[in-house]
Each structure stands twice: as C-alpha cells, then as structure tokens.
PDB file of all heavy atoms in Angstrom:
ATOM      1  N   PHE A   1     110.785  91.705  80.886  1.00  0.00           N
ATOM      2  CA  PHE A   1     112.001  90.990  81.265  1.00  0.00           C
ATOM      3  C   PHE A   1     111.692  90.095  82.449  1.00  0.00           C
ATOM      4  O   PHE A   1     110.865  90.416  83.298  1.00  0.00           O
ATOM      5  CB  PHE A   1     113.083  92.008  81.659  1.00  0.00           C
ATOM      6  CG  PHE A   1     114.414  91.415  82.033  1.00  0.00           C
ATOM      7  CD1 PHE A   1     115.249  90.870  81.068  1.00  0.00           C
ATOM      8  CD2 PHE A   1     114.842  91.410  83.353  1.00  0.00           C
ATOM      9  CE1 PHE A   1     116.478  90.324  81.406  1.00  0.00           C
ATOM     10  CE2 PHE A   1     116.076  90.871  83.699  1.00  0.00           C
ATOM     11  CZ  PHE A   1     116.897  90.328  82.716  1.00  0.00           C
ATOM     12  N   ALA A   2     112.355  88.938  82.512  1.00  0.00           N
ATOM     13  CA  ALA A   2     112.305  88.070  83.690  1.00  0.00           C
ATOM     14  C   ALA A   2     113.728  87.901  84.209  1.00  0.00           C
ATOM     15  O   ALA A   2     114.635  87.555  83.446  1.00  0.00           O
ATOM     16  CB  ALA A   2     111.689  86.718  83.359  1.00  0.00           C
ATOM     17  N   TYR A   3     113.923  88.159  85.493  1.00  0.00           N
ATOM     18  CA  TYR A   3     115.246  88.036  86.102  1.00  0.00           C
ATOM     19  C   TYR A   3     115.651  86.567  86.162  1.00  0.00           C
ATOM     20  O   TYR A   3     114.939  85.755  86.762  1.00  0.00           O
ATOM     21  CB  TYR A   3     115.235  88.615  87.522  1.00  0.00           C
ATOM     22  CG  TYR A   3     114.870  90.070  87.605  1.00  0.00           C
ATOM     23  CD1 TYR A   3     113.583  90.473  87.979  1.00  0.00           C
ATOM     24  CD2 TYR A   3     115.799  91.053  87.304  1.00  0.00           C
ATOM     25  CE1 TYR A   3     113.241  91.811  88.063  1.00  0.00           C
ATOM     26  CE2 TYR A   3     115.467  92.391  87.376  1.00  0.00           C
ATOM     27  CZ  TYR A   3     114.189  92.770  87.756  1.00  0.00           C
ATOM     28  OH  TYR A   3     113.850  94.111  87.824  1.00  0.00           O
ATOM     29  N   PRO A   4     116.778  86.184  85.561  1.00  0.00           N
ATOM     30  CA  PRO A   4     117.207  84.778  85.634  1.00  0.00           C
ATOM     31  C   PRO A   4     117.370  84.303  87.076  1.00  0.00           C
ATOM     32  O   PRO A   4     118.028  84.969  87.890  1.00  0.00           O
ATOM     33  CB  PRO A   4     118.554  84.789  84.898  1.00  0.00           C
ATOM     34  CG  PRO A   4     118.431  85.914  83.927  1.00  0.00           C
ATOM     35  CD  PRO A   4     117.649  86.968  84.667  1.00  0.00           C
ATOM     36  N   SER A   5     116.732  83.200  87.385  1.00  0.00           N
ATOM     37  CA  SER A   5     116.750  82.618  88.733  1.00  0.00           C
ATOM     38  C   SER A   5     116.248  83.594  89.783  1.00  0.00           C
ATOM     39  O   SER A   5     116.472  83.380  90.977  1.00  0.00           O
ATOM     40  CB  SER A   5     118.159  82.130  89.103  1.00  0.00           C
ATOM     41  OG  SER A   5     118.593  81.141  88.189  1.00  0.00           O
ATOM     42  N   GLY A   6     115.598  84.666  89.357  1.00  0.00           N
ATOM     43  CA  GLY A   6     115.007  85.614  90.286  1.00  0.00           C
ATOM     44  C   GLY A   6     115.961  86.618  90.892  1.00  0.00           C
ATOM     45  O   GLY A   6     115.570  87.416  91.742  1.00  0.00           O
ATOM     46  N   GLY A   7     117.230  86.616  90.489  1.00  0.00           N
ATOM     47  CA  GLY A   7     118.205  87.518  91.095  1.00  0.00           C
ATOM     48  C   GLY A   7     118.058  88.939  90.585  1.00  0.00           C
ATOM     49  O   GLY A   7     117.988  89.170  89.382  1.00  0.00           O
ATOM     50  N   PHE A   8     118.017  89.896  91.496  1.00  0.00           N
ATOM     51  CA  PHE A   8     117.977  91.308  91.112  1.00  0.00           C
ATOM     52  C   PHE A   8     118.438  92.152  92.283  1.00  0.00           C
ATOM     53  O   PHE A   8     118.511  91.692  93.421  1.00  0.00           O
ATOM     54  CB  PHE A   8     116.564  91.715  90.672  1.00  0.00           C
ATOM     55  CG  PHE A   8     115.559  91.765  91.799  1.00  0.00           C
ATOM     56  CD1 PHE A   8     115.287  92.954  92.458  1.00  0.00           C
ATOM     57  CD2 PHE A   8     114.882  90.622  92.197  1.00  0.00           C
ATOM     58  CE1 PHE A   8     114.360  93.001  93.504  1.00  0.00           C
ATOM     59  CE2 PHE A   8     113.961  90.652  93.227  1.00  0.00           C
ATOM     60  CZ  PHE A   8     113.697  91.853  93.889  1.00  0.00           C
ATOM     61  N   ASP A   9     118.763  93.392  92.010  1.00  0.00           N
ATOM     62  CA  ASP A   9     119.027  94.368  93.054  1.00  0.00           C
ATOM     63  C   ASP A   9     118.605  95.743  92.538  1.00  0.00           C
ATOM     64  O   ASP A   9     118.179  95.889  91.387  1.00  0.00           O
ATOM     65  CB  ASP A   9     120.492  94.347  93.518  1.00  0.00           C
ATOM     66  CG  ASP A   9     121.491  94.571  92.399  1.00  0.00           C
ATOM     67  OD1 ASP A   9     121.150  95.250  91.393  1.00  0.00           O
ATOM     68  OD2 ASP A   9     122.627  94.081  92.506  1.00  0.00           O
ATOM     69  N   GLN A  10     118.712  96.754  93.384  1.00  0.00           N
ATOM     70  CA  GLN A  10     118.191  98.069  93.019  1.00  0.00           C
ATOM     71  C   GLN A  10     118.912  98.641  91.814  1.00  0.00           C
ATOM     72  O   GLN A  10     118.290  99.276  90.949  1.00  0.00           O
ATOM     73  CB  GLN A  10     118.322  99.033  94.200  1.00  0.00           C
ATOM     74  CG  GLN A  10     117.683 100.393  93.948  1.00  0.00           C
ATOM     75  CD  GLN A  10     116.195 100.292  93.688  1.00  0.00           C
ATOM     76  OE1 GLN A  10     115.468  99.663  94.455  1.00  0.00           O
ATOM     77  NE2 GLN A  10     115.735 100.894  92.595  1.00  0.00           N
ATOM     78  N   ALA A  11     120.225  98.434  91.717  1.00  0.00           N
ATOM     79  CA  ALA A  11     120.971  98.974  90.584  1.00  0.00           C
ATOM     80  C   ALA A  11     120.499  98.368  89.269  1.00  0.00           C
ATOM     81  O   ALA A  11     120.385  99.068  88.252  1.00  0.00           O
ATOM     82  CB  ALA A  11     122.470  98.730  90.777  1.00  0.00           C
ATOM     83  N   VAL A  12     120.200  97.082  89.273  1.00  0.00           N
ATOM     84  CA  VAL A  12     119.705  96.428  88.062  1.00  0.00           C
ATOM     85  C   VAL A  12     118.312  96.939  87.720  1.00  0.00           C
ATOM     86  O   VAL A  12     118.003  97.218  86.551  1.00  0.00           O
ATOM     87  CB  VAL A  12     119.701  94.898  88.240  1.00  0.00           C
ATOM     88  CG1 VAL A  12     118.994  94.222  87.079  1.00  0.00           C
ATOM     89  CG2 VAL A  12     121.123  94.380  88.370  1.00  0.00           C
ATOM     90  N   VAL A  13     117.462  97.086  88.713  1.00  0.00           N
ATOM     91  CA  VAL A  13     116.115  97.614  88.486  1.00  0.00           C
ATOM     92  C   VAL A  13     116.194  99.005  87.868  1.00  0.00           C
ATOM     93  O   VAL A  13     115.492  99.313  86.889  1.00  0.00           O
ATOM     94  CB  VAL A  13     115.317  97.646  89.802  1.00  0.00           C
ATOM     95  CG1 VAL A  13     113.989  98.379  89.616  1.00  0.00           C
ATOM     96  CG2 VAL A  13     115.062  96.229  90.314  1.00  0.00           C
ATOM     97  N   ASP A  14     117.056  99.847  88.418  1.00  0.00           N
ATOM     98  CA  ASP A  14     117.212 101.192  87.876  1.00  0.00           C
ATOM     99  C   ASP A  14     117.714 101.149  86.434  1.00  0.00           C
ATOM    100  O   ASP A  14     117.269 101.936  85.584  1.00  0.00           O
ATOM    101  CB  ASP A  14     118.187 102.001  88.735  1.00  0.00           C
ATOM    102  CG  ASP A  14     117.635 102.296  90.130  1.00  0.00           C
ATOM    103  OD1 ASP A  14     116.401 102.194  90.326  1.00  0.00           O
ATOM    104  OD2 ASP A  14     118.442 102.619  91.022  1.00  0.00           O
ATOM    105  N   GLY A  15     118.643 100.233  86.147  1.00  0.00           N
ATOM    106  CA  GLY A  15     119.170 100.104  84.790  1.00  0.00           C
ATOM    107  C   GLY A  15     118.106  99.672  83.796  1.00  0.00           C
ATOM    108  O   GLY A  15     118.043 100.188  82.675  1.00  0.00           O
ATOM    109  N   LEU A  16     117.248  98.742  84.199  1.00  0.00           N
ATOM    110  CA  LEU A  16     116.167  98.317  83.323  1.00  0.00           C
ATOM    111  C   LEU A  16     115.234  99.479  82.995  1.00  0.00           C
ATOM    112  O   LEU A  16     114.799  99.641  81.849  1.00  0.00           O
ATOM    113  CB  LEU A  16     115.370  97.186  83.967  1.00  0.00           C
ATOM    114  CG  LEU A  16     116.049  95.823  84.129  1.00  0.00           C
ATOM    115  CD1 LEU A  16     115.085  94.828  84.765  1.00  0.00           C
ATOM    116  CD2 LEU A  16     116.542  95.283  82.794  1.00  0.00           C
ATOM    117  N   ALA A  17     114.938 100.289  84.013  1.00  0.00           N
ATOM    118  CA  ALA A  17     114.070 101.440  83.783  1.00  0.00           C
ATOM    119  C   ALA A  17     114.697 102.409  82.784  1.00  0.00           C
ATOM    120  O   ALA A  17     114.028 102.911  81.874  1.00  0.00           O
ATOM    121  CB  ALA A  17     113.780 102.140  85.110  1.00  0.00           C
ATOM    122  N   GLN A  18     115.991 102.641  82.922  1.00  0.00           N
ATOM    123  CA  GLN A  18     116.689 103.551  82.008  1.00  0.00           C
ATOM    124  C   GLN A  18     116.727 103.000  80.587  1.00  0.00           C
ATOM    125  O   GLN A  18     116.762 103.771  79.616  1.00  0.00           O
ATOM    126  CB  GLN A  18     118.106 103.804  82.517  1.00  0.00           C
ATOM    127  CG  GLN A  18     118.176 104.564  83.831  1.00  0.00           C
ATOM    128  CD  GLN A  18     119.574 104.612  84.404  1.00  0.00           C
ATOM    129  OE1 GLN A  18     120.565 104.650  83.670  1.00  0.00           O
ATOM    130  NE2 GLN A  18     119.679 104.601  85.732  1.00  0.00           N
ATOM    131  N   ASP A  19     116.712 101.678  80.451  1.00  0.00           N
ATOM    132  CA  ASP A  19     116.789 101.057  79.129  1.00  0.00           C
ATOM    133  C   ASP A  19     115.414 100.787  78.522  1.00  0.00           C
ATOM    134  O   ASP A  19     115.312 100.092  77.499  1.00  0.00           O
ATOM    135  CB  ASP A  19     117.594  99.757  79.218  1.00  0.00           C
ATOM    136  CG  ASP A  19     119.053 100.014  79.558  1.00  0.00           C
ATOM    137  OD1 ASP A  19     119.543 101.109  79.237  1.00  0.00           O
ATOM    138  OD2 ASP A  19     119.698  99.138  80.161  1.00  0.00           O
ATOM    139  N   GLY A  20     114.380 101.307  79.141  1.00  0.00           N
ATOM    140  CA  GLY A  20     113.062 101.253  78.531  1.00  0.00           C
ATOM    141  C   GLY A  20     112.208 100.046  78.852  1.00  0.00           C
ATOM    142  O   GLY A  20     111.141  99.874  78.257  1.00  0.00           O
ATOM    143  N   PHE A  21     112.629  99.209  79.788  1.00  0.00           N
ATOM    144  CA  PHE A  21     111.790  98.086  80.179  1.00  0.00           C
ATOM    145  C   PHE A  21     110.644  98.599  81.057  1.00  0.00           C
ATOM    146  O   PHE A  21     110.837  99.464  81.907  1.00  0.00           O
ATOM    147  CB  PHE A  21     112.611  97.036  80.931  1.00  0.00           C
ATOM    148  CG  PHE A  21     113.503  96.224  80.041  1.00  0.00           C
ATOM    149  CD1 PHE A  21     114.822  96.604  79.813  1.00  0.00           C
ATOM    150  CD2 PHE A  21     113.027  95.087  79.414  1.00  0.00           C
ATOM    151  CE1 PHE A  21     115.651  95.866  78.982  1.00  0.00           C
ATOM    152  CE2 PHE A  21     113.838  94.335  78.581  1.00  0.00           C
ATOM    153  CZ  PHE A  21     115.152  94.732  78.361  1.00  0.00           C
ATOM    154  N   GLU A  22     109.479  98.029  80.842  1.00  0.00           N
ATOM    155  CA  GLU A  22     108.289  98.490  81.552  1.00  0.00           C
ATOM    156  C   GLU A  22     107.773  97.487  82.573  1.00  0.00           C
ATOM    157  O   GLU A  22     107.104  97.862  83.531  1.00  0.00           O
ATOM    158  CB  GLU A  22     107.180  98.831  80.549  1.00  0.00           C
ATOM    159  CG  GLU A  22     107.561  99.969  79.615  1.00  0.00           C
ATOM    160  CD  GLU A  22     106.490 100.261  78.588  1.00  0.00           C
ATOM    161  OE1 GLU A  22     105.370  99.691  78.701  1.00  0.00           O
ATOM    162  OE2 GLU A  22     106.758 101.055  77.654  1.00  0.00           O
ATOM    163  N   LEU A  23     108.060  96.212  82.369  1.00  0.00           N
ATOM    164  CA  LEU A  23     107.665  95.166  83.308  1.00  0.00           C
ATOM    165  C   LEU A  23     108.842  94.226  83.518  1.00  0.00           C
ATOM    166  O   LEU A  23     109.555  93.902  82.560  1.00  0.00           O
ATOM    167  CB  LEU A  23     106.481  94.347  82.783  1.00  0.00           C
ATOM    168  CG  LEU A  23     105.157  95.062  82.524  1.00  0.00           C
ATOM    169  CD1 LEU A  23     104.152  94.078  81.919  1.00  0.00           C
ATOM    170  CD2 LEU A  23     104.595  95.665  83.793  1.00  0.00           C
ATOM    171  N   ALA A  24     109.052  93.784  84.752  1.00  0.00           N
ATOM    172  CA  ALA A  24     110.087  92.785  85.037  1.00  0.00           C
ATOM    173  C   ALA A  24     109.577  91.876  86.139  1.00  0.00           C
ATOM    174  O   ALA A  24     108.968  92.329  87.121  1.00  0.00           O
ATOM    175  CB  ALA A  24     111.396  93.448  85.436  1.00  0.00           C
ATOM    176  N   PHE A  25     109.847  90.588  85.974  1.00  0.00           N
ATOM    177  CA  PHE A  25     109.268  89.560  86.838  1.00  0.00           C
ATOM    178  C   PHE A  25     110.350  88.918  87.695  1.00  0.00           C
ATOM    179  O   PHE A  25     111.367  88.443  87.188  1.00  0.00           O
ATOM    180  CB  PHE A  25     108.572  88.500  85.991  1.00  0.00           C
ATOM    181  CG  PHE A  25     107.398  89.040  85.221  1.00  0.00           C
ATOM    182  CD1 PHE A  25     107.584  89.685  84.008  1.00  0.00           C
ATOM    183  CD2 PHE A  25     106.114  88.929  85.725  1.00  0.00           C
ATOM    184  CE1 PHE A  25     106.509  90.197  83.299  1.00  0.00           C
ATOM    185  CE2 PHE A  25     105.030  89.438  85.027  1.00  0.00           C
ATOM    186  CZ  PHE A  25     105.229  90.070  83.812  1.00  0.00           C
ATOM    187  N   THR A  26     110.103  88.884  88.999  1.00  0.00           N
ATOM    188  CA  THR A  26     110.993  88.236  89.947  1.00  0.00           C
ATOM    189  C   THR A  26     110.535  86.785  90.130  1.00  0.00           C
ATOM    190  O   THR A  26     109.632  86.312  89.451  1.00  0.00           O
ATOM    191  CB  THR A  26     110.952  88.946  91.305  1.00  0.00           C
ATOM    192  OG1 THR A  26     109.693  88.680  91.956  1.00  0.00           O
ATOM    193  CG2 THR A  26     111.108  90.463  91.142  1.00  0.00           C
ATOM    194  N   THR A  27     111.152  86.090  91.088  1.00  0.00           N
ATOM    195  CA  THR A  27     110.632  84.798  91.529  1.00  0.00           C
ATOM    196  C   THR A  27     110.185  84.888  92.979  1.00  0.00           C
ATOM    197  O   THR A  27     109.996  83.857  93.640  1.00  0.00           O
ATOM    198  CB  THR A  27     111.691  83.686  91.382  1.00  0.00           C
ATOM    199  OG1 THR A  27     112.867  84.046  92.122  1.00  0.00           O
ATOM    200  CG2 THR A  27     112.045  83.457  89.920  1.00  0.00           C
ATOM    201  N   VAL A  28     110.002  86.103  93.483  1.00  0.00           N
ATOM    202  CA  VAL A  28     109.471  86.282  94.830  1.00  0.00           C
ATOM    203  C   VAL A  28     108.007  85.847  94.830  1.00  0.00           C
ATOM    204  O   VAL A  28     107.220  86.294  93.994  1.00  0.00           O
ATOM    205  CB  VAL A  28     109.599  87.748  95.281  1.00  0.00           C
ATOM    206  CG1 VAL A  28     108.994  87.925  96.675  1.00  0.00           C
ATOM    207  CG2 VAL A  28     111.059  88.184  95.281  1.00  0.00           C
ATOM    208  N   ARG A  29     107.657  84.956  95.735  1.00  0.00           N
ATOM    209  CA  ARG A  29     106.312  84.384  95.729  1.00  0.00           C
ATOM    210  C   ARG A  29     105.273  85.419  96.138  1.00  0.00           C
ATOM    211  O   ARG A  29     105.463  86.180  97.094  1.00  0.00           O
ATOM    212  CB  ARG A  29     106.237  83.195  96.682  1.00  0.00           C
ATOM    213  CG  ARG A  29     104.863  82.525  96.723  1.00  0.00           C
ATOM    214  CD  ARG A  29     104.886  81.280  97.585  1.00  0.00           C
ATOM    215  NE  ARG A  29     105.703  80.241  96.983  1.00  0.00           N
ATOM    216  CZ  ARG A  29     105.273  79.384  96.060  1.00  0.00           C
ATOM    217  NH1 ARG A  29     104.032  79.475  95.615  1.00  0.00           N
ATOM    218  NH2 ARG A  29     106.071  78.473  95.569  1.00  0.00           N
ATOM    219  N   GLY A  30     104.164  85.427  95.416  1.00  0.00           N
ATOM    220  CA  GLY A  30     103.051  86.280  95.800  1.00  0.00           C
ATOM    221  C   GLY A  30     102.323  86.856  94.608  1.00  0.00           C
ATOM    222  O   GLY A  30     102.717  86.666  93.449  1.00  0.00           O
ATOM    223  N   LEU A  31     101.245  87.585  94.896  1.00  0.00           N
ATOM    224  CA  LEU A  31     100.447  88.253  93.885  1.00  0.00           C
ATOM    225  C   LEU A  31     100.803  89.732  93.840  1.00  0.00           C
ATOM    226  O   LEU A  31     101.571  90.227  94.662  1.00  0.00           O
ATOM    227  CB  LEU A  31      98.959  88.078  94.180  1.00  0.00           C
ATOM    228  CG  LEU A  31      98.454  86.648  94.354  1.00  0.00           C
ATOM    229  CD1 LEU A  31      96.938  86.635  94.477  1.00  0.00           C
ATOM    230  CD2 LEU A  31      98.904  85.765  93.207  1.00  0.00           C
ATOM    231  N   ASN A  32     100.241  90.440  92.875  1.00  0.00           N
ATOM    232  CA  ASN A  32     100.550  91.853  92.679  1.00  0.00           C
ATOM    233  C   ASN A  32      99.267  92.676  92.694  1.00  0.00           C
ATOM    234  O   ASN A  32      98.373  92.439  91.877  1.00  0.00           O
ATOM    235  CB  ASN A  32     101.251  92.055  91.330  1.00  0.00           C
ATOM    236  CG  ASN A  32     102.533  91.248  91.218  1.00  0.00           C
ATOM    237  OD1 ASN A  32     103.542  91.582  91.824  1.00  0.00           O
ATOM    238  ND2 ASN A  32     102.483  90.163  90.454  1.00  0.00           N
ATOM    239  N   ASP A  33      99.194  93.596  93.632  1.00  0.00           N
ATOM    240  CA  ASP A  33      98.125  94.586  93.618  1.00  0.00           C
ATOM    241  C   ASP A  33      98.586  95.694  92.672  1.00  0.00           C
ATOM    242  O   ASP A  33      99.485  96.468  92.997  1.00  0.00           O
ATOM    243  CB  ASP A  33      97.897  95.133  95.025  1.00  0.00           C
ATOM    244  CG  ASP A  33      96.735  96.114  95.092  1.00  0.00           C
ATOM    245  OD1 ASP A  33      96.376  96.701  94.044  1.00  0.00           O
ATOM    246  OD2 ASP A  33      96.194  96.324  96.195  1.00  0.00           O
ATOM    247  N   LEU A  34      97.992  95.749  91.479  1.00  0.00           N
ATOM    248  CA  LEU A  34      98.497  96.640  90.445  1.00  0.00           C
ATOM    249  C   LEU A  34      98.320  98.109  90.782  1.00  0.00           C
ATOM    250  O   LEU A  34      98.884  98.971  90.105  1.00  0.00           O
ATOM    251  CB  LEU A  34      97.830  96.313  89.105  1.00  0.00           C
ATOM    252  CG  LEU A  34      98.122  94.903  88.570  1.00  0.00           C
ATOM    253  CD1 LEU A  34      97.489  94.702  87.208  1.00  0.00           C
ATOM    254  CD2 LEU A  34      99.621  94.649  88.504  1.00  0.00           C
TER     255      LEU A  34
END
C-alpha cells in the first residue's frame, strides 16, 4: 500500500496490519535500514 499524499497516523497503520498489509510506503524522505 502507498499512503495517498503521504498521510498516515498510528490508527491507520494498525488497521493496515490487521487487514493483512505487509508493506506500506510513506512520502517521508529517506532510506530504509531493513
């Protein structure tokens, strides 16, 4: 999933996890140390 316009909050993140999403992309600038 990619958050539209980068908007997200903790409740949405928790909801995605409950609905089986495994990866979600913000628009926060930077790299990811996996």
